[in-house]
Protein backbone atom coordinates (compact mmCIF):
# COMPACT_ATOMS: atom_id res chain seq x y z
CA MET A 1 0.00 0.00 0.00
CA THR A 2 1.41 3.32 -0.98
CA GLY A 3 0.03 6.79 -0.87
CA SER A 4 -0.28 10.12 0.80
CA GLY A 5 -2.01 8.67 3.80
CA ALA A 6 0.01 5.56 4.53
CA PRO A 7 0.57 5.68 8.26
CA GLY A 8 4.01 4.80 9.52
CA GLY A 9 5.73 4.20 12.82
CA GLU A 10 4.20 2.71 15.93
CA GLY A 11 0.47 2.54 16.39
CA PRO A 12 -2.53 0.24 16.45
CA GLY A 13 -2.01 -3.03 14.68
CA GLN A 14 1.77 -2.93 14.75
CA GLY A 15 3.31 -6.35 15.25
CA LEU A 16 0.40 -8.28 13.74
CA THR A 17 0.99 -11.83 12.62
CA TRP A 18 -0.80 -14.03 10.12
CA GLU A 19 -2.15 -16.18 12.95
CA ARG A 20 -3.85 -13.13 14.45
CA VAL A 21 -5.50 -11.83 11.27
CA ARG A 22 -6.43 -14.98 9.34
CA GLY A 23 -9.78 -15.38 11.13
CA PHE A 24 -10.82 -11.70 11.00
CA ARG A 25 -13.95 -10.87 9.03
CA PRO A 26 -13.37 -7.21 8.18
CA ARG A 27 -15.02 -4.88 5.73
CA LEU A 28 -14.15 -1.40 4.56
CA ARG A 29 -15.95 1.45 6.27
CA ALA A 30 -18.61 3.31 4.29
CA HIS A 31 -16.36 6.37 3.92
CA ALA A 32 -13.80 4.36 1.92
CA GLY A 33 -14.16 4.06 -1.83
CA ILE A 34 -12.00 2.44 -4.51
CA GLN A 35 -11.37 4.06 -7.88
CA THR A 36 -9.40 2.92 -10.93
CA HIS A 37 -6.54 5.10 -12.21
CA ARG A 38 -3.78 4.76 -14.78
CA TYR A 39 -0.24 5.72 -13.73
CA ARG A 40 2.68 5.49 -16.14
CA GLY A 41 0.85 3.07 -18.38
CA ARG A 42 -0.22 0.75 -15.55
CA VAL A 43 -3.62 0.35 -13.97
CA TRP A 44 -3.68 1.04 -10.23
CA TYR A 45 -6.50 1.18 -7.75
CA VAL A 46 -6.85 4.02 -5.31
CA LEU A 47 -8.73 3.78 -2.05
CA GLN A 48 -9.97 7.18 -0.94
CA ASP A 49 -10.79 7.93 2.66
CA ARG A 50 -13.56 10.50 2.18
CA VAL A 51 -13.28 11.65 5.81
CA SER A 52 -9.57 12.48 5.87
CA ASN A 53 -9.21 12.88 2.07
CA ARG A 54 -6.22 10.53 2.17
CA HIS A 55 -5.51 8.24 -0.76
CA TYR A 56 -3.89 4.79 -0.86
CA ARG A 57 -2.71 3.14 -4.08
CA PHE A 58 -2.99 -0.63 -4.58
CA SER A 59 -2.12 -3.31 -7.10
CA ALA A 60 -4.76 -5.46 -8.80
CA SER A 61 -4.19 -8.39 -6.43
CA VAL A 62 -4.78 -6.17 -3.39
CA LYS A 63 -7.85 -4.61 -5.04
CA ASN A 64 -9.31 -8.09 -5.59
CA PHE A 65 -8.70 -8.81 -1.90
CA LEU A 66 -10.29 -5.51 -0.80
CA ASP A 67 -13.34 -6.14 -3.01
CA ARG A 68 -14.04 -9.31 -1.01
CA LEU A 69 -13.86 -7.74 2.45
CA ASP A 70 -17.57 -8.10 3.21
CA GLY A 71 -17.57 -8.70 6.97
CA ARG A 72 -18.80 -12.28 6.48
CA HIS A 73 -15.76 -14.06 5.04
CA SER A 74 -12.53 -14.46 6.95
CA VAL A 75 -9.22 -13.21 5.63
CA GLN A 76 -8.15 -16.85 5.16
CA GLN A 77 -11.32 -17.68 3.20
CA ILE A 78 -10.78 -14.68 0.92
CA LEU A 79 -7.17 -15.64 0.15
CA ASP A 80 -8.20 -19.25 -0.48
CA GLU A 81 -10.93 -18.08 -2.87
CA LEU A 82 -8.53 -15.78 -4.73
CA GLY A 83 -5.97 -18.57 -5.05
CA GLN A 84 -8.54 -20.95 -6.56
CA ALA A 85 -9.95 -18.47 -9.08
CA PRO A 86 -8.79 -18.91 -12.69
CA GLY A 87 -5.73 -16.71 -13.11
CA GLY A 88 -6.09 -15.72 -9.48
CA GLU A 89 -3.05 -14.41 -7.72
CA PRO A 90 -3.76 -13.46 -4.11
CA PRO A 91 -1.51 -11.02 -2.30
CA ALA A 92 1.14 -12.61 -0.08
CA ARG A 93 0.24 -13.19 3.56
CA GLU A 94 2.84 -10.67 4.72
CA GLU A 95 1.33 -8.08 2.38
CA VAL A 96 -2.14 -8.78 3.77
CA VAL A 97 -0.94 -8.41 7.37
CA THR A 98 0.72 -5.08 6.55
CA LEU A 99 -2.33 -3.95 4.60
CA LEU A 100 -4.77 -4.75 7.40
CA SER A 101 -2.52 -3.07 9.95
CA ARG A 102 -2.37 0.13 7.92
CA LEU A 103 -6.08 0.15 7.10
CA HIS A 104 -6.86 -0.36 10.78
CA ALA A 105 -4.53 2.48 11.79
CA ALA A 106 -6.27 4.70 9.23
CA ASN A 107 -9.70 3.74 10.69
CA LEU A 108 -10.84 2.22 7.39
CA LEU A 109 -11.86 -1.22 8.68
CA GLN A 110 -14.81 -2.48 10.64
CA GLY A 111 -16.18 -5.89 11.43
CA GLU A 112 -15.53 -8.89 13.65
CA GLY A 113 -12.33 -8.39 15.60
CA VAL A 114 -11.81 -4.94 14.11
CA ALA A 115 -14.59 -2.57 15.16
CA ASP A 116 -13.39 -1.92 18.69
CA GLY A 117 -9.70 -2.22 17.82
CA ARG A 118 -8.92 -4.55 20.73
CA THR A 119 -8.06 -7.56 18.61
CA LEU A 120 -5.91 -5.78 16.05
CA SER A 121 -4.03 -3.59 18.51
CA ARG A 122 -3.23 -6.18 21.21
C-alpha cells in the first residue's frame, strides 16, 4: 500500500501476525471508496478515505482482496478463494498483514475483531 495517507511508525495493529488476522472478518468502512486510475501506463487502484481525504494506491491483487472484504468471510477464506480463481493471484500473507494493519490504523476497517480495535491492537 502506498500513498499520501500511509501511516508509519508505531500505532494500532503494529506487530500483527498471520495467525492473528487470518480469522478476522473485516469490511471497509462506508467512507472508503476504490477508484481505478492509470499511472505510467499501468492500472492502479486508489482507495480514498472521504473523511480524511487521504488516498492509498494498490495493485490489482490487493484490489481483488479488498473487493471481497464483506464482513462475512474471513481473511483466510478470501485468500483461499482468490488462489482458486482462474488466473487468481492473491496477495502474499505478509502483504495482507501489513495492509490490514495500515487500514486499521487509518480507521478504514470495521467488522468482527476490528470494530473496537482490541483484537488488532493487542
